Amino acid sequence: MTDKVHRRLLRPAELRELLRPAPVQLGGLERRLARAASIADLRTLARRRAPRAVFDFADGGAGVGELALRRARETFRRIEFHPSALRDVSHVSAETMILGKLSAQPFAFAPTGLTRMMHTGGERAVVAVAEQAGIPYALSMMGSTTIEETARAGPQARKWFQLFLWRDRGRVKDLVDRAAAAGYDTLILTVDTPVAGTRLRDVHNGLTVPQQLTLRTFVNGALHPRYWFDLLTTEPLTFANVAASEGTVADQIDRVFDPAITIADLEWLRGHWQGSLVVKGIQSVSDAQRVVDAGADGVVLSSHGGRQLDRAPVPVELVPAVRERLDGRAEILVDTGMTTGADIVAALALGADAALVGRAFLYGLMAGGRRGVARAVEILGREVVQTMALLGVNNVTELRPEHVSIRFP
């Protein structure tokens, strides 16, 4: 005996519903960005649109196997969440206090050098998105737009300035004074770069500043004509806040940065800066305590995005121990390896106050300029709220260590 299938004709209204077309997006870039559902999708777009040397500069880590970067990402893959069911999560908010001020998201834009190399919009585009999104933006001392120009591009944005200590302390003080005058409220002293790390992708690609037109870059440029047209018809790409000469990024670091920096220099800087002072590049519990004892308002647990010391500790794994040692005396931020909103939520549950994201917005910048950066924020923000709701929490302060664990093979 066979089952009978009762068929019927579609009603006109039902047919119209099935054939309803999706909204038409006229611009090709808008279509591509709209289809990007994750930071991984933006990375794929960035790889297609940017020359190889440019993409590798943003994407790569230090060392032969880029182990510090790989291990950081692998740690986030091993995160296991422990949700709580039957909770009212109809009103989830991602707002949180970061260094004394409200942020619309529990993450900020990390400082990245030579941002205009990724796209001509550069730092101006990124700070404008930060202003619109209501999150902090950190300008790198090794950026490609000046302190003042960046401030003008995002007048209402919350702006932080990342500082490396030069051998010439007079010039350091001048930068600090300029940042204060331009309205930057937080100084991020980066201490993990006494010398340059070995970034082999840059070496293999022959990356220099300014970029040199070799046979390799010429051939690659033929595949990315729009990028080179924009680069060659806009202001020259330079370290806007540093009087640097030609050479690789590593050359500039080794020539200008002071490898003799000590805790006394942090104390000296504390005496010259009245705003919030954060130390970035902390990779041990004892160093976190030392810099807070010397006057830091916060620490960034960071391996410089896996771009300095290969085989460095995984920053997010340090969060619980640092949280216990500092016992509320300073805020804890963390970076390296985070590519999803779920990664950010995991870091917060482990005890971080906020996260810094760098590559995520750089992929967006390479993929689509300012609109690509905005898409990156949209993706991360949606994932943060979604993850919190699925965990059964309504706001960042409800995240606890019991919400997360790290699985070991």
Foldseek 3Di string as FASTA:
>chain_A
DDDDDDDDDDDPVRVCVVPPDDDDDDDPLVVQLVPQQFLVSLLVLLCQQAFPLLSLVLPFFFDDVLALQVVLQVQLVQKDFDADPPFPQPFFFQWADDQHDIARHQEEADEDALQCLLPVCGLLLLLLLQLVRRHEYEHELRHQDDLQVSCVSNVNHAYEYEDFAWPPVVLVLVNLVSNVVSRHQEYEYEDQPLAFGHGPSCVVQVQKVVGDDDPSNVVSCVSNVVSVVRQVVDDHGGRHNDPDDIDHPRVRSNVTGHSPDDLVVLLVVLVSHDGAYEYECDQALVVLVSNVVSPHQEYEQENPQNHHDHVGDNRLVCQLVNCVSCVPSHAYEYEHNDGALSSQLLSLLSPHSGYHDYSSLSSLCSSRNSVRSSSSCVSNVVRNSVVCVRSNHRYSVPRHVNRMDGDDD
